[in-house]
Amino acid sequence: MPDRLYFLLGDLLANAAVGAAAGVAAALAVPAGWNMFAAMVLAMVLGMALASTLAFPLMRWFGAMEVMLPTMLGGMLAGMVVGMQAAMAPLAGLTAACEGAAIGLAALAFCSYVDRLLRTPHEALD
């Protein structure tokens, strides 16, 4: 993943927006009292569909793999977590958006960490 500020801000914006959109969509799609497993599966698919739709225009400027991998993971996780919470009790839209954005940013941090691990030469293997 490129380290320039332009790419970092684009990744942050894309992942926060996709996570927030997936969280709101999951909170709207899953009524309280649903089976949590069914809610998780529905919200996961919804989050991945939103991620592929929302991240597609950003790939031109920020790179395909650098945008799609973290946003797909973030959208999927945000949908799953917020969908399961919405199955337990109704969630406000702002709460779902904030939780989804936080999950999207956590997915970006995880992907960046794994990318660093894979690109850094390990001293033990030399």
Protein backbone atom coordinates (compact mmCIF):
# COMPACT_ATOMS: atom_id res chain seq x y z
CA MET A 1 0.00 0.00 0.00
CA PRO A 2 1.46 3.38 -0.92
CA ASP A 3 2.53 5.57 1.99
CA ARG A 4 1.86 9.00 0.52
CA LEU A 5 -0.63 11.25 2.31
CA TYR A 6 -2.89 11.36 -0.76
CA PHE A 7 -3.37 7.58 -0.70
CA LEU A 8 -3.69 7.46 3.09
CA LEU A 9 -6.49 10.04 3.12
CA GLY A 10 -8.24 8.28 0.24
CA ASP A 11 -8.07 4.93 2.05
CA LEU A 12 -9.35 6.47 5.28
CA LEU A 13 -12.24 8.18 3.50
CA ALA A 14 -13.19 5.10 1.49
CA ASN A 15 -13.14 2.71 4.44
CA ALA A 16 -14.99 5.03 6.79
CA ALA A 17 -17.67 5.76 4.18
CA VAL A 18 -18.16 2.11 3.24
CA GLY A 19 -18.25 1.02 6.88
CA ALA A 20 -20.78 3.72 7.76
CA ALA A 21 -22.96 2.88 4.76
CA ALA A 22 -22.84 -0.83 5.56
CA GLY A 23 -23.71 -0.16 9.19
CA VAL A 24 -26.71 2.02 8.33
CA ALA A 25 -27.92 -0.40 5.67
CA ALA A 26 -27.65 -3.32 8.09
CA ALA A 27 -29.51 -1.43 10.81
CA LEU A 28 -32.28 -0.58 8.35
CA ALA A 29 -32.51 -4.07 6.83
CA VAL A 30 -32.56 -6.14 10.02
CA PRO A 31 -35.56 -5.77 12.31
CA ALA A 32 -35.23 -6.42 16.03
CA GLY A 33 -36.08 -9.97 17.02
CA TRP A 34 -34.59 -11.67 13.97
CA ASN A 35 -32.43 -14.74 14.21
CA MET A 36 -28.87 -13.45 14.70
CA PHE A 37 -27.35 -15.90 12.23
CA ALA A 38 -29.79 -14.90 9.49
CA ALA A 39 -29.22 -11.23 10.29
CA MET A 40 -25.45 -11.72 10.13
CA VAL A 41 -25.58 -13.44 6.73
CA LEU A 42 -27.97 -10.89 5.21
CA ALA A 43 -26.00 -7.93 6.54
CA MET A 44 -22.69 -9.47 5.41
CA VAL A 45 -23.93 -9.80 1.84
CA LEU A 46 -25.41 -6.30 1.99
CA GLY A 47 -22.12 -4.86 3.27
CA MET A 48 -20.09 -6.57 0.55
CA ALA A 49 -22.49 -5.37 -2.15
CA LEU A 50 -22.27 -1.81 -0.85
CA ALA A 51 -18.48 -2.02 -0.65
CA SER A 52 -18.13 -3.16 -4.25
CA THR A 53 -20.52 -0.45 -5.42
CA LEU A 54 -19.11 2.45 -3.38
CA ALA A 55 -15.42 1.60 -3.74
CA PHE A 56 -15.50 1.01 -7.50
CA PRO A 57 -15.26 4.73 -8.47
CA LEU A 58 -12.37 5.27 -6.03
CA MET A 59 -10.21 2.55 -7.56
CA ARG A 60 -9.18 4.82 -10.43
CA TRP A 61 -7.43 7.29 -8.14
CA PHE A 62 -6.28 5.14 -5.23
CA GLY A 63 -5.55 1.73 -6.77
CA ALA A 64 -7.75 -1.33 -7.16
CA MET A 65 -6.25 -3.68 -4.60
CA GLU A 66 -5.48 -0.91 -2.11
CA VAL A 67 -9.13 0.13 -2.05
CA MET A 68 -11.09 -3.06 -2.70
CA LEU A 69 -9.46 -5.38 -0.19
CA PRO A 70 -9.89 -3.21 2.93
CA THR A 71 -13.30 -1.85 1.92
CA MET A 72 -14.70 -5.32 1.18
CA LEU A 73 -13.41 -6.60 4.52
CA GLY A 74 -14.66 -3.51 6.33
CA GLY A 75 -18.07 -3.57 4.66
CA MET A 76 -18.50 -7.25 5.39
CA LEU A 77 -17.46 -6.93 9.06
CA ALA A 78 -19.46 -3.74 9.64
CA GLY A 79 -22.56 -5.33 8.16
CA MET A 80 -22.13 -8.47 10.25
CA VAL A 81 -21.53 -6.72 13.58
CA VAL A 82 -24.16 -4.01 13.18
CA GLY A 83 -26.64 -6.52 11.74
CA MET A 84 -26.28 -8.78 14.77
CA GLN A 85 -26.68 -5.80 17.09
CA ALA A 86 -29.79 -4.69 15.20
CA ALA A 87 -31.23 -8.19 15.62
CA MET A 88 -30.99 -7.79 19.39
CA ALA A 89 -32.38 -4.26 19.68
CA PRO A 90 -33.18 -1.38 17.32
CA LEU A 91 -30.19 0.86 16.54
CA ALA A 92 -30.21 4.56 15.75
CA GLY A 93 -28.84 5.50 12.35
CA LEU A 94 -26.02 7.62 13.76
CA THR A 95 -24.95 4.83 16.12
CA ALA A 96 -24.91 2.32 13.27
CA ALA A 97 -22.94 4.74 11.07
CA CYS A 98 -20.34 5.46 13.75
CA GLU A 99 -19.88 1.79 14.61
CA GLY A 100 -19.65 0.87 10.93
CA ALA A 101 -17.09 3.61 10.25
CA ALA A 102 -14.98 2.47 13.20
CA ILE A 103 -15.08 -1.13 11.97
CA GLY A 104 -14.15 0.00 8.46
CA LEU A 105 -11.14 1.90 9.81
CA ALA A 106 -10.14 -1.09 11.93
CA ALA A 107 -10.23 -3.27 8.80
CA LEU A 108 -7.96 -0.76 7.05
CA ALA A 109 -5.54 -0.83 9.99
CA PHE A 110 -5.50 -4.63 9.92
CA CYS A 111 -4.87 -4.76 6.16
CA SER A 112 -2.08 -2.17 6.46
CA TYR A 113 -0.47 -4.14 9.29
CA VAL A 114 -0.55 -7.39 7.33
CA ASP A 115 0.82 -5.58 4.28
CA ARG A 116 3.75 -4.30 6.37
CA LEU A 117 4.42 -7.79 7.70
CA LEU A 118 4.46 -9.26 4.21
CA ARG A 119 6.69 -6.56 2.75
CA THR A 120 9.22 -6.38 5.58
CA PRO A 121 12.03 -8.91 5.32
CA HIS A 122 12.15 -11.18 8.33
CA GLU A 123 15.54 -11.48 9.99
CA ALA A 124 14.88 -15.07 11.04
CA LEU A 125 14.50 -16.20 7.43
CA ASP A 126 17.80 -14.72 6.21
